[in-house]
Amino acid sequence: MAERSLEHHDSVARFAVSKHNYLKAHPTETFSCIATSALVLDTRVTSEPRILLLQRASSEEDDPNKWEPPGGACEDNDESILHSAARELWEEAGLRAAHIGGPVGKPYFFYLDDGREVCRFYFAVDVETDGRAPPTVKLNPEEHQSFVWATEDEVEARKVGNTDLEFTEETVARTVLLAFQHFRESQIG
């Protein structure tokens, strides 16, 4: 996906810099790696928005068959942390970010097998659409095997129809739920 200008909310302007520049500007942070997640809502029915969740491939070494929003590592060649979120959304779900809002919730910290600390930032993301809602998702089968558009009640129940939603981490599930609150608050303001 070619780099391009990304519209974003003022609240995420501090992430419109490269990973390197962000880390340089925050020298007291303990993490050395940054990851992002895109929280995409289908708001066609504003009274019952649905969020996009992806099921990790059964062949994945970490958390096979578990659910998460699109996301991944911020790479050294990403123009900005926001571009990283847009790139991961494109690579994992075939969706193009139109506007990045948020952030949603608190950063999530975890450790890689080699001991490096990672900080994951979550962003509310509006996607380009061809008029269909929900947008057409095209999974990367090497990373994910299924997707759902889940309501807030379904996320809380951890079930969409006959599909159980076992999240990669409980923190991820809580942040996904915060995306609905973020949406409601953005409708007021």
Foldseek 3Di string as FASTA:
>chain_A
DDDDDAAEDPVCVLQQAALVVNCVVVVVDQADWEKEFEWEWQCPPVVWIWTKKFAWDQPDPARHRAIFGFMTTRDRPQRTNVSRNQVSCCQAWVWGFRYKYDFFDAWDWDADPVGGIYTYTYIYTYTDAPPDPPHHTDGDNNTTDDMDTHTLVCLVVQHDPPDGHHHSDVVRSVRSNRVSVVSVVVVVD
